[in-house]
Amino acid sequence: MSESLAKKIVLTGGGSAGHVTPNIALIPALKKAGFDIYYIGSYSGIEKKLIEDYNIPYFGIATGKLRRYFDPKNFSDPFRVLKGFTEALTLLKKIKPDIVFSKGGFVSVPVVRAAGVLHIPYIVHESDMTPGLANKLSMTGARKICCNFPETMSLLPADKAVLTGTPIRDELGMGSREAGKKLCGFTDDKPVLMVIGGSLGAQSVNETVRFALPRLLPNFNVVHICGKEKMDNLKLSVPGYKQFEYVKNELKDIFAMADIVVSRAGANSICELLALRKPNILIPLSTKSSRGDQMLNARSFEKQGFSLVIDNDELDEDILVETIEDLYENREQFIENMHRSSLHSATDTIVDIIVEEMNK
């Protein structure tokens, strides 16, 4: 395909890994569909680091957070947003994309607003059940708004909302159970419990799991991805218990090995569990430390029969062990429910939407 005929797409989104990894999952399918791909993020946010492995032109713009509460930065950040808008305008005029796809985060707002001014069609993806502020500011001119949860559809314009699910990296489903067991040093045939608390870890979950180990290890091997600087050095040599601060390339093997999973309830994490059909217990962040989106996400998955849920404020050793035993005993029912979900082809669905809207 000659450069003049190539389709061009700009991906945007950042501020956290959750606003980037779905874009990364789309990259192979977009390339296969014949797109030249460009990325606009912040100057030095996590998105820049995550995208650099994919040989995609990356452009940074100024960004500021739009807050609903008082903060001294509320006086300076609007000027950063305005600068980011001007920079996005310049970049989009230079790139001349056929379409823009936004995964959200505040860096995406100047990009989609600039696309609107230049009459470039754009699509927005909302991961959580209730739209965040950045996406609310981006939705007005969007051609389509993709979402993960049936409940979200009623909160979006009916002519724009599409229930797609979240794109999941293909490689997550290509792991080896034997490679995972070798990585963790598990040599018996006990089922494997995987515990994952997000990139920063989850201290309350970490502590409760460790308190419960004497009751868990007779029946399970436990692999615990506990977060940066959250390792317990006193338990490094406990048989059947393997800790990691963070896992990248080996994550697919750990997923392949896991029979059941305990996790926080970030939207991308739980969509990965759904795509991989992993019976799970969700322990969402409470409203004390979040806007409450994880609690809503978790309850939706519970209602659909994909997950069991433990409220973080009620978490203790007894509840955790009893719920793990309940989940494992009934795991086949959860797997069957997840197999019935229609949200397993999010990548193909979203690429089809992109192509369709671009060609209108």
Protein backbone atom coordinates (compact mmCIF):
# COMPACT_ATOMS: atom_id res chain seq x y z
CA MET A 1 0.00 0.00 0.00
CA SER A 2 1.49 3.34 -0.97
CA GLU A 3 1.86 6.04 1.64
CA SER A 4 -0.68 8.25 -0.11
CA LEU A 5 -3.32 5.51 0.03
CA ALA A 6 -2.59 4.27 3.57
CA LYS A 7 -5.31 4.78 6.16
CA LYS A 8 -4.13 6.76 9.16
CA ILE A 9 -5.36 6.53 12.73
CA VAL A 10 -4.31 8.45 15.82
CA LEU A 11 -4.65 6.62 19.13
CA THR A 12 -4.77 8.67 22.31
CA GLY A 13 -5.18 7.99 26.01
CA GLY A 14 -2.99 8.03 29.07
CA GLY A 15 -2.40 8.86 32.69
CA SER A 16 -2.64 5.24 33.80
CA ALA A 17 -1.97 1.85 32.24
CA GLY A 18 -5.71 1.29 31.97
CA HIS A 19 -5.96 4.13 29.45
CA VAL A 20 -3.18 2.62 27.31
CA THR A 21 -3.25 -1.18 27.30
CA PRO A 22 -6.52 -1.43 25.31
CA ASN A 23 -4.94 0.78 22.64
CA ILE A 24 -1.93 -1.54 22.62
CA ALA A 25 -4.26 -4.52 22.18
CA LEU A 26 -5.74 -2.86 19.07
CA ILE A 27 -2.38 -2.28 17.36
CA PRO A 28 -1.91 -5.69 15.67
CA ALA A 29 -5.48 -5.71 14.33
CA LEU A 30 -5.22 -2.12 13.08
CA LYS A 31 -1.97 -2.94 11.29
CA LYS A 32 -3.61 -5.99 9.74
CA ALA A 33 -6.46 -3.75 8.57
CA GLY A 34 -3.93 -1.55 6.77
CA PHE A 35 -3.66 1.42 9.12
CA ASP A 36 -0.64 3.60 9.72
CA ILE A 37 -0.79 4.19 13.47
CA TYR A 38 0.27 7.29 15.44
CA TYR A 39 0.01 7.94 19.17
CA ILE A 40 -0.57 11.23 20.98
CA GLY A 41 0.00 11.22 24.73
CA SER A 42 1.63 13.39 27.35
CA TYR A 43 5.27 14.41 27.30
CA SER A 44 6.39 11.89 29.91
CA GLY A 45 3.37 9.89 31.12
CA ILE A 46 3.16 6.12 31.45
CA GLU A 47 1.74 5.94 27.93
CA LYS A 48 5.06 7.07 26.44
CA LYS A 49 6.93 4.24 28.17
CA LEU A 50 4.33 1.61 27.28
CA ILE A 51 4.11 2.59 23.61
CA GLU A 52 7.84 2.77 22.94
CA ASP A 53 8.07 -1.03 22.47
CA TYR A 54 5.69 -0.96 19.48
CA ASN A 55 7.60 1.13 16.92
CA ILE A 56 4.78 3.63 16.53
CA PRO A 57 5.40 7.37 16.05
CA TYR A 58 4.71 9.00 19.43
CA PHE A 59 3.97 12.68 20.01
CA GLY A 60 3.73 14.37 23.39
CA ILE A 61 1.50 17.31 24.27
CA ALA A 62 0.94 19.37 27.40
CA THR A 63 -1.79 18.07 29.67
CA GLY A 64 -3.53 19.16 32.82
CA LYS A 65 -6.05 17.48 35.08
CA LEU A 66 -9.58 18.86 35.26
CA ARG A 67 -10.67 18.45 38.88
CA ARG A 68 -14.03 18.68 40.59
CA TYR A 69 -12.39 19.64 43.88
CA PHE A 70 -10.17 22.52 45.01
CA ASP A 71 -6.48 22.25 44.25
CA PRO A 72 -3.94 25.03 43.63
CA LYS A 73 -3.19 23.42 40.25
CA ASN A 74 -6.74 24.28 39.18
CA PHE A 75 -5.40 27.75 38.40
CA SER A 76 -2.54 26.58 36.17
CA ASP A 77 -3.83 23.39 34.57
CA PRO A 78 -6.39 25.09 32.30
CA PHE A 79 -3.49 26.87 30.58
CA ARG A 80 -1.72 23.52 30.13
CA VAL A 81 -4.90 22.05 28.63
CA LEU A 82 -5.15 25.01 26.25
CA LYS A 83 -1.51 24.55 25.25
CA GLY A 84 -2.18 20.82 24.71
CA PHE A 85 -5.15 21.68 22.48
CA THR A 86 -2.98 23.97 20.35
CA GLU A 87 -0.28 21.31 20.09
CA ALA A 88 -2.86 18.66 19.19
CA LEU A 89 -4.26 20.89 16.45
CA THR A 90 -0.80 21.29 14.97
CA LEU A 91 -0.08 17.56 15.14
CA LEU A 92 -3.39 16.52 13.60
CA LYS A 93 -2.93 19.00 10.75
CA LYS A 94 0.48 17.46 10.13
CA ILE A 95 -0.53 13.79 10.43
CA LYS A 96 -3.89 14.19 8.65
CA PRO A 97 -5.46 11.06 10.20
CA ASP A 98 -8.63 9.57 8.82
CA ILE A 99 -9.92 8.91 12.34
CA VAL A 100 -8.99 9.22 16.04
CA PHE A 101 -9.60 6.58 18.72
CA SER A 102 -9.56 7.75 22.34
CA LYS A 103 -9.18 5.49 25.37
CA GLY A 104 -9.64 8.36 27.80
CA GLY A 105 -7.58 10.06 30.46
CA PHE A 106 -7.11 13.80 30.52
CA VAL A 107 -4.46 13.84 27.79
CA SER A 108 -7.14 12.65 25.36
CA VAL A 109 -9.43 15.66 25.83
CA PRO A 110 -7.33 18.20 23.85
CA VAL A 111 -6.82 15.60 21.11
CA VAL A 112 -10.48 14.80 20.51
CA ARG A 113 -11.48 18.46 20.83
CA ALA A 114 -8.88 19.32 18.19
CA ALA A 115 -10.17 16.48 16.01
CA GLY A 116 -13.66 17.93 16.31
CA VAL A 117 -12.49 21.36 15.19
CA LEU A 118 -10.76 19.80 12.18
CA HIS A 119 -13.81 17.62 11.36
CA ILE A 120 -11.83 14.42 11.90
CA PRO A 121 -14.18 11.65 13.11
CA TYR A 122 -13.35 10.21 16.50
CA ILE A 123 -14.47 7.29 18.66
CA VAL A 124 -14.32 7.13 22.46
CA HIS A 125 -14.00 4.02 24.64
CA GLU A 126 -15.22 4.07 28.24
CA SER A 127 -13.98 1.20 30.42
CA ASP A 128 -15.87 1.80 33.65
CA MET A 129 -19.58 1.48 34.26
CA THR A 130 -20.02 5.23 34.75
CA PRO A 131 -18.11 7.59 32.44
CA GLY A 132 -15.19 9.50 33.92
CA LEU A 133 -14.91 13.28 33.62
CA ALA A 134 -12.41 13.19 30.74
CA ASN A 135 -14.68 11.01 28.62
CA LYS A 136 -17.73 13.08 29.52
CA LEU A 137 -15.90 16.08 28.07
CA SER A 138 -15.00 14.08 24.96
CA MET A 139 -18.31 12.45 24.10
CA THR A 140 -20.17 15.39 22.59
CA GLY A 141 -18.71 15.11 19.12
CA ALA A 142 -17.87 11.39 19.14
CA ARG A 143 -19.21 9.23 16.32
CA LYS A 144 -19.48 6.19 18.60
CA ILE A 145 -18.92 5.52 22.31
CA CYS A 146 -17.77 1.98 23.10
CA CYS A 147 -18.36 0.53 26.57
CA ASN A 148 -17.89 -2.60 28.68
CA PHE A 149 -21.04 -2.94 30.77
CA PRO A 150 -24.71 -3.34 29.83
CA GLU A 151 -25.59 -0.83 32.55
CA THR A 152 -23.48 1.87 30.86
CA MET A 153 -25.65 1.88 27.74
CA SER A 154 -28.43 3.81 29.52
CA LEU A 155 -25.94 6.54 30.51
CA LEU A 156 -24.86 7.24 26.92
CA PRO A 157 -26.59 8.72 23.87
CA ALA A 158 -28.61 5.87 22.37
CA ASP A 159 -27.46 6.58 18.81
CA LYS A 160 -23.77 6.46 19.78
CA ALA A 161 -23.48 3.75 22.45
CA VAL A 162 -22.07 0.34 21.48
CA LEU A 163 -21.47 -2.52 23.94
CA THR A 164 -18.10 -3.84 22.76
CA GLY A 165 -16.04 -4.91 25.76
CA THR A 166 -12.37 -4.04 26.10
CA PRO A 167 -9.65 -5.13 23.64
CA ILE A 168 -7.39 -7.72 25.26
CA ARG A 169 -3.82 -8.46 24.15
CA ASP A 170 -3.80 -11.70 22.18
CA GLU A 171 -0.64 -12.92 23.88
CA LEU A 172 -2.41 -13.16 27.26
CA GLY A 173 -4.22 -16.21 25.94
CA MET A 174 -1.07 -17.88 24.63
CA GLY A 175 0.54 -18.95 27.89
CA SER A 176 1.68 -22.37 29.07
CA ARG A 177 0.54 -23.94 32.34
CA GLU A 178 3.77 -25.94 32.54
CA ALA A 179 5.87 -22.81 31.95
CA GLY A 180 3.96 -21.06 34.74
CA LYS A 181 4.52 -23.93 37.18
CA LYS A 182 8.21 -24.01 36.31
CA LEU A 183 8.48 -20.23 36.81
CA CYS A 184 6.91 -20.53 40.26
CA GLY A 185 8.58 -23.78 41.28
CA PHE A 186 5.28 -25.62 41.76
CA THR A 187 5.91 -29.36 41.38
CA ASP A 188 2.66 -30.96 42.57
CA ASP A 189 -0.83 -31.06 41.05
CA LYS A 190 -2.61 -28.80 43.52
CA PRO A 191 -4.85 -26.16 41.92
CA VAL A 192 -3.33 -22.70 41.58
CA LEU A 193 -4.72 -19.56 43.18
CA MET A 194 -3.50 -16.35 41.52
CA VAL A 195 -3.66 -13.10 43.50
CA ILE A 196 -3.15 -9.81 41.68
CA GLY A 197 -3.68 -6.34 43.09
CA GLY A 198 -2.79 -4.00 40.24
CA SER A 199 0.51 -2.34 39.35
CA LEU A 200 0.80 -0.65 42.76
CA GLY A 201 -0.39 -3.66 44.71
CA ALA A 202 -3.22 -3.77 47.23
CA GLN A 203 -1.98 -3.70 50.79
CA SER A 204 -5.16 -4.94 52.48
CA VAL A 205 -5.43 -7.83 50.01
CA ASN A 206 -1.73 -8.65 50.34
CA GLU A 207 -1.87 -8.79 54.12
CA THR A 208 -5.06 -10.86 54.27
CA VAL A 209 -3.74 -13.39 51.75
CA ARG A 210 -0.55 -13.81 53.76
CA PHE A 211 -2.46 -14.27 57.03
CA ALA A 212 -4.55 -16.93 55.28
CA LEU A 213 -1.62 -18.91 53.82
CA PRO A 214 -1.61 -21.62 56.54
CA ARG A 215 -5.22 -22.40 55.60
CA LEU A 216 -4.76 -22.03 51.83
CA LEU A 217 -1.51 -23.88 51.15
CA PRO A 218 -2.73 -27.37 52.10
CA ASN A 219 -5.17 -27.14 49.16
CA PHE A 220 -3.69 -24.57 46.75
CA ASN A 221 -0.45 -23.34 45.31
CA VAL A 222 -0.54 -19.54 45.54
CA VAL A 223 1.13 -17.14 43.10
CA HIS A 224 0.96 -13.58 44.38
CA ILE A 225 1.67 -10.51 42.23
CA CYS A 226 1.87 -8.09 45.10
CA GLY A 227 3.10 -4.79 43.64
CA LYS A 228 6.28 -2.75 43.72
CA GLU A 229 8.11 -2.95 47.05
CA LYS A 230 5.29 -5.09 48.52
CA MET A 231 7.19 -8.39 48.81
CA ASP A 232 7.27 -10.13 52.19
CA ASN A 233 10.88 -11.26 52.58
CA LEU A 234 9.99 -13.52 55.49
CA LYS A 235 7.89 -15.68 53.16
CA LEU A 236 10.30 -16.02 50.23
CA SER A 237 10.96 -19.69 50.95
CA VAL A 238 7.46 -20.86 51.90
CA PRO A 239 6.70 -23.99 49.80
CA GLY A 240 3.77 -23.50 47.42
CA TYR A 241 3.82 -19.68 47.72
CA LYS A 242 5.53 -17.56 45.05
CA GLN A 243 5.66 -13.75 45.11
CA PHE A 244 6.38 -11.26 42.33
CA GLU A 245 6.46 -7.48 42.51
CA TYR A 246 5.46 -7.20 38.86
CA VAL A 247 5.19 -9.57 35.90
CA LYS A 248 5.33 -8.62 32.23
CA ASN A 249 6.17 -11.28 29.64
CA GLU A 250 5.48 -14.20 31.99
CA LEU A 251 1.97 -12.99 32.87
CA LYS A 252 0.46 -15.15 30.12
CA ASP A 253 1.99 -18.27 31.68
CA ILE A 254 0.74 -17.39 35.15
CA PHE A 255 -2.77 -16.84 33.76
CA ALA A 256 -2.58 -20.19 31.94
CA MET A 257 -1.59 -21.88 35.20
CA ALA A 258 -4.22 -20.18 37.39
CA ASP A 259 -7.39 -22.10 38.22
CA ILE A 260 -8.98 -19.23 40.14
CA VAL A 261 -8.02 -15.58 40.67
CA VAL A 262 -8.35 -12.95 43.40
CA SER A 263 -8.14 -9.43 41.95
CA ARG A 264 -8.99 -5.79 42.34
CA ALA A 265 -11.81 -4.68 40.02
CA GLY A 266 -10.22 -2.29 37.55
CA ALA A 267 -12.11 -2.47 34.27
CA ASN A 268 -9.24 -3.76 32.15
CA SER A 269 -8.24 -6.38 34.71
CA ILE A 270 -11.70 -7.86 35.00
CA CYS A 271 -12.17 -7.84 31.21
CA GLU A 272 -8.96 -9.87 30.95
CA LEU A 273 -10.39 -12.36 33.46
CA LEU A 274 -13.59 -12.58 31.41
CA ALA A 275 -11.71 -13.06 28.13
CA LEU A 276 -9.57 -15.82 29.68
CA ARG A 277 -12.58 -17.39 31.45
CA LYS A 278 -10.90 -17.32 34.85
CA PRO A 279 -13.27 -17.79 37.83
CA ASN A 280 -12.54 -14.88 40.12
CA ILE A 281 -13.10 -13.06 43.38
CA LEU A 282 -13.11 -9.28 43.07
CA ILE A 283 -12.14 -7.03 45.97
CA PRO A 284 -12.87 -3.53 44.65
CA LEU A 285 -11.34 -0.35 45.94
CA SER A 286 -13.80 1.39 48.24
CA THR A 287 -15.13 4.92 47.78
CA LYS A 288 -12.65 6.03 50.45
CA SER A 289 -9.81 5.67 47.94
CA SER A 290 -11.55 5.92 44.54
CA ARG A 291 -14.59 7.41 42.82
CA GLY A 292 -16.35 4.08 43.33
CA ASP A 293 -16.01 2.77 39.78
CA GLN A 294 -14.40 -0.50 40.88
CA MET A 295 -17.34 -1.26 43.17
CA LEU A 296 -19.79 -0.72 40.30
CA ASN A 297 -17.64 -2.80 37.93
CA ALA A 298 -17.50 -5.65 40.42
CA ARG A 299 -21.22 -5.68 41.12
CA SER A 300 -21.97 -5.81 37.40
CA PHE A 301 -19.72 -8.84 36.96
CA GLU A 302 -21.28 -10.45 40.03
CA LYS A 303 -24.78 -9.85 38.61
CA GLN A 304 -23.75 -11.44 35.29
CA GLY A 305 -22.43 -14.51 37.09
CA PHE A 306 -18.77 -13.94 36.25
CA SER A 307 -17.42 -13.14 39.74
CA LEU A 308 -17.82 -13.32 43.48
CA VAL A 309 -17.30 -10.04 45.34
CA ILE A 310 -15.87 -9.18 48.75
CA ASP A 311 -16.18 -5.57 49.92
CA ASN A 312 -12.77 -4.25 50.89
CA ASP A 313 -14.10 -2.96 54.23
CA GLU A 314 -15.37 -6.45 55.12
CA LEU A 315 -12.25 -8.34 54.03
CA ASP A 316 -10.75 -10.65 56.61
CA GLU A 317 -9.04 -14.04 56.65
CA ASP A 318 -12.20 -16.08 57.30
CA ILE A 319 -14.25 -14.41 54.56
CA LEU A 320 -11.40 -14.70 52.08
CA VAL A 321 -10.77 -18.41 52.69
CA GLU A 322 -14.49 -19.29 52.67
CA THR A 323 -15.06 -17.38 49.42
CA ILE A 324 -12.02 -18.98 47.74
CA GLU A 325 -13.30 -22.43 48.69
CA ASP A 326 -16.79 -21.56 47.41
CA LEU A 327 -15.41 -20.23 44.12
CA TYR A 328 -13.23 -23.26 43.49
CA GLU A 329 -16.04 -25.69 44.27
CA ASN A 330 -18.36 -23.92 41.81
CA ARG A 331 -15.75 -22.83 39.25
CA GLU A 332 -17.32 -24.68 36.32
CA GLN A 333 -20.52 -22.64 36.64
CA PHE A 334 -18.55 -19.38 36.47
CA ILE A 335 -16.62 -20.62 33.43
CA GLU A 336 -19.88 -21.57 31.72
CA ASN A 337 -21.35 -18.11 32.42
CA MET A 338 -18.27 -16.43 30.96
CA HIS A 339 -18.42 -18.61 27.86
CA ARG A 340 -21.96 -17.32 27.26
CA SER A 341 -20.83 -13.67 27.30
CA SER A 342 -20.94 -11.84 23.97
CA LEU A 343 -17.94 -9.64 24.84
CA HIS A 344 -15.12 -11.92 23.65
CA SER A 345 -14.36 -10.28 20.30
CA ALA A 346 -13.93 -6.67 21.40
CA THR A 347 -10.86 -6.06 19.23
CA ASP A 348 -12.54 -7.15 16.00
CA THR A 349 -15.76 -5.33 16.91
CA ILE A 350 -13.95 -2.05 17.59
CA VAL A 351 -11.80 -2.25 14.45
CA ASP A 352 -14.98 -2.85 12.43
CA ILE A 353 -16.54 0.25 14.02
CA ILE A 354 -13.42 2.30 13.27
CA VAL A 355 -13.45 1.26 9.61
CA GLU A 356 -17.19 1.84 9.28
CA GLU A 357 -17.11 5.33 10.83
CA MET A 358 -14.03 6.32 8.85
CA ASN A 359 -15.74 5.41 5.59
CA LYS A 360 -18.96 7.33 6.23
